[in-house]
C-alpha atoms as a PDB file:
ATOM      1  CA  MET A   1       3.273  -8.475 -52.407  1.00  0.00           C
ATOM      2  CA  THR A   2       3.092 -11.490 -50.116  1.00  0.00           C
ATOM      3  CA  THR A   3       2.928 -10.594 -45.958  1.00  0.00           C
ATOM      4  CA  SER A   4       3.276 -12.692 -43.398  1.00  0.00           C
ATOM      5  CA  THR A   5       0.820 -12.918 -40.478  1.00  0.00           C
ATOM      6  CA  ALA A   6       2.030 -12.633 -36.628  1.00  0.00           C
ATOM      7  CA  SER A   7       0.974 -14.795 -34.140  1.00  0.00           C
ATOM      8  CA  VAL A   8      -0.127 -12.996 -30.707  1.00  0.00           C
ATOM      9  CA  ALA A   9       2.198 -13.748 -28.749  1.00  0.00           C
ATOM     10  CA  GLU A  10       4.761 -13.077 -31.339  1.00  0.00           C
ATOM     11  CA  ILE A  11       2.655  -9.559 -31.898  1.00  0.00           C
ATOM     12  CA  THR A  12       2.639  -9.278 -28.220  1.00  0.00           C
ATOM     13  CA  THR A  13       6.291  -9.849 -28.031  1.00  0.00           C
ATOM     14  CA  THR A  14       7.048  -6.671 -30.753  1.00  0.00           C
ATOM     15  CA  ALA A  15       4.522  -4.859 -28.472  1.00  0.00           C
ATOM     16  CA  ILE A  16       5.882  -4.623 -25.350  1.00  0.00           C
ATOM     17  CA  ALA A  17       9.737  -4.550 -26.941  1.00  0.00           C
ATOM     18  CA  LEU A  18       8.600  -1.542 -28.892  1.00  0.00           C
ATOM     19  CA  LEU A  19       6.845  -0.101 -25.336  1.00  0.00           C
ATOM     20  CA  CYS A  20      10.081  -0.594 -23.382  1.00  0.00           C
ATOM     21  CA  ARG A  21      12.191   1.274 -25.759  1.00  0.00           C
ATOM     22  CA  GLN A  22      10.277   4.082 -26.217  1.00  0.00           C
ATOM     23  CA  ILE A  23       8.594   5.200 -22.893  1.00  0.00           C
ATOM     24  CA  GLY A  24      10.643   2.860 -20.684  1.00  0.00           C
ATOM     25  CA  PRO A  25      10.207  -0.436 -18.345  1.00  0.00           C
ATOM     26  CA  VAL A  26       8.098   0.971 -15.600  1.00  0.00           C
ATOM     27  CA  ASN A  27       5.338   3.190 -18.230  1.00  0.00           C
ATOM     28  CA  THR A  28       5.134  -0.012 -20.265  1.00  0.00           C
ATOM     29  CA  VAL A  29       4.195  -1.911 -16.852  1.00  0.00           C
ATOM     30  CA  ARG A  30       1.958   0.631 -15.958  1.00  0.00           C
ATOM     31  CA  PHE A  31       0.008   0.901 -19.315  1.00  0.00           C
ATOM     32  CA  LEU A  32      -0.258  -2.565 -18.986  1.00  0.00           C
ATOM     33  CA  ASN A  33      -1.245  -2.449 -15.955  1.00  0.00           C
ATOM     34  CA  GLN A  34      -4.835  -0.946 -17.031  1.00  0.00           C
ATOM     35  CA  PHE A  35      -5.888  -3.716 -19.352  1.00  0.00           C
ATOM     36  CA  THR A  36      -5.173  -6.570 -16.283  1.00  0.00           C
ATOM     37  CA  THR A  37      -8.791  -7.238 -14.232  1.00  0.00           C
ATOM     38  CA  GLY A  38      -6.972  -8.763 -11.258  1.00  0.00           C
ATOM     39  CA  PHE A  39      -6.888 -10.997  -8.833  1.00  0.00           C
ATOM     40  CA  GLY A  40      -7.819 -12.255  -5.453  1.00  0.00           C
ATOM     41  CA  ASN A  41     -10.346 -11.239  -2.749  1.00  0.00           C
ATOM     42  CA  TYR A  42      -9.615  -7.596  -2.187  1.00  0.00           C
ATOM     43  CA  THR A  43     -12.103  -7.442   1.201  1.00  0.00           C
ATOM     44  CA  ALA A  44     -10.299 -10.516   2.561  1.00  0.00           C
ATOM     45  CA  GLU A  45      -7.502  -9.247   2.164  1.00  0.00           C
ATOM     46  CA  ARG A  46      -7.706  -5.926   3.475  1.00  0.00           C
ATOM     47  CA  ASP A  47      -9.347  -7.503   6.822  1.00  0.00           C
ATOM     48  CA  ALA A  48      -6.961 -10.051   7.124  1.00  0.00           C
ATOM     49  CA  ILE A  49      -3.715  -7.493   7.144  1.00  0.00           C
ATOM     50  CA  LEU A  50      -6.207  -4.509   8.859  1.00  0.00           C
ATOM     51  CA  GLY A  51      -7.975  -6.982  11.272  1.00  0.00           C
ATOM     52  CA  ASP A  52     -10.642  -4.831  13.377  1.00  0.00           C
ATOM     53  CA  ALA A  53      -8.261  -1.560  14.147  1.00  0.00           C
ATOM     54  CA  THR A  54     -10.198   2.097  13.320  1.00  0.00           C
ATOM     55  CA  VAL A  55      -8.776   4.189  11.859  1.00  0.00           C
ATOM     56  CA  ASP A  56      -7.770   6.475  14.852  1.00  0.00           C
ATOM     57  CA  GLU A  57      -5.458   3.181  15.541  1.00  0.00           C
ATOM     58  CA  LEU A  58      -3.711   3.194  12.538  1.00  0.00           C
ATOM     59  CA  VAL A  59      -3.381   6.468  11.959  1.00  0.00           C
ATOM     60  CA  ALA A  60      -1.395   6.013  15.415  1.00  0.00           C
ATOM     61  CA  GLU A  61       0.457   3.223  14.553  1.00  0.00           C
ATOM     62  CA  ILE A  62       1.561   5.348  10.864  1.00  0.00           C
ATOM     63  CA  ARG A  63       2.688   8.075  13.368  1.00  0.00           C
ATOM     64  CA  GLN A  64       4.535   6.017  15.676  1.00  0.00           C
ATOM     65  CA  ARG A  65       6.384   4.195  12.854  1.00  0.00           C
ATOM     66  CA  ARG A  66       7.169   7.609  11.131  1.00  0.00           C
ATOM     67  CA  GLU A  67       8.407   8.499  14.495  1.00  0.00           C
ATOM     68  CA  LYS A  68      10.965   5.754  15.004  1.00  0.00           C
ATOM     69  CA  ASP A  69      11.677   6.312  11.485  1.00  0.00           C
ATOM     70  CA  LYS A  70      12.956  10.422  12.347  1.00  0.00           C
ATOM     71  CA  LEU A  71      15.184   8.570  14.847  1.00  0.00           C
ATOM     72  CA  ARG A  72      16.627   6.293  12.919  1.00  0.00           C
ATOM     73  CA  THR A  73      17.767   8.888  10.000  1.00  0.00           C
ATOM     74  CA  GLU A  74      18.475  11.604  12.435  1.00  0.00           C
ATOM     75  CA  PRO A  75      22.333  12.002  12.971  1.00  0.00           C
ATOM     76  CA  SER A  76      23.708  11.443  16.508  1.00  0.00           C
ATOM     77  CA  GLU A  77      24.677  13.591  19.105  1.00  0.00           C
ATOM     78  CA  THR A  78      28.256  12.224  19.027  1.00  0.00           C
ATOM     79  CA  HIS A  79      28.688  13.136  15.505  1.00  0.00           C
ATOM     80  CA  SER A  80      27.419  16.576  15.478  1.00  0.00           C
ATOM     81  CA  THR A  81      29.149  17.794  18.698  1.00  0.00           C
ATOM     82  CA  GLN A  82      32.713  16.522  17.530  1.00  0.00           C
ATOM     83  CA  GLN A  83      35.567  18.835  16.564  1.00  0.00           C
ATOM     84  CA  SER A  84      37.419  18.302  12.847  1.00  0.00           C
ATOM     85  CA  PRO A  85      40.965  18.627  13.501  1.00  0.00           C
ATOM     86  CA  SER A  86      40.918  22.496  11.648  1.00  0.00           C
ATOM     87  CA  ASP A  87      38.702  23.313  14.572  1.00  0.00           C
ATOM     88  CA  THR A  88      41.670  22.352  16.938  1.00  0.00           C
ATOM     89  CA  ASN A  89      43.948  24.608  15.395  1.00  0.00           C
ATOM     90  CA  ASN A  90      42.619  27.933  16.559  1.00  0.00           C
ATOM     91  CA  GLY A  91      42.409  29.336  13.113  1.00  0.00           C
ATOM     92  CA  ALA A  92      46.392  29.083  12.937  1.00  0.00           C
ATOM     93  CA  GLY A  93      46.427  26.897   9.997  1.00  0.00           C
END
C-alpha cells in the first residue's frame, strides 16, 4: 500500500474546508485566530484613537451616542397618534 504525502498547503486547505463544514465558517475563523500572534502596535493605535481622553469623557461619549441612537430608533409621535381606518368607524364595521 502506498500513500502520497500532501503538501502543508494542501493539508491546510483540506482542514479549513473540513472545519467550515463541521463547525461553520465563523467558528472556524474563531478557532484559527487562537493560533495567530497578531500584528501592529496596540498601544500606539489605542493612543491614536482615544488620545488623552479620560474614562469619564469616554463614558459620557458612550452615553451620548446611545441616547442619539435611542432617539433615532424610537417611533415618532406622528406614527403613534394616527388612527387606523377601523378606528374612524366607531365600531360600526
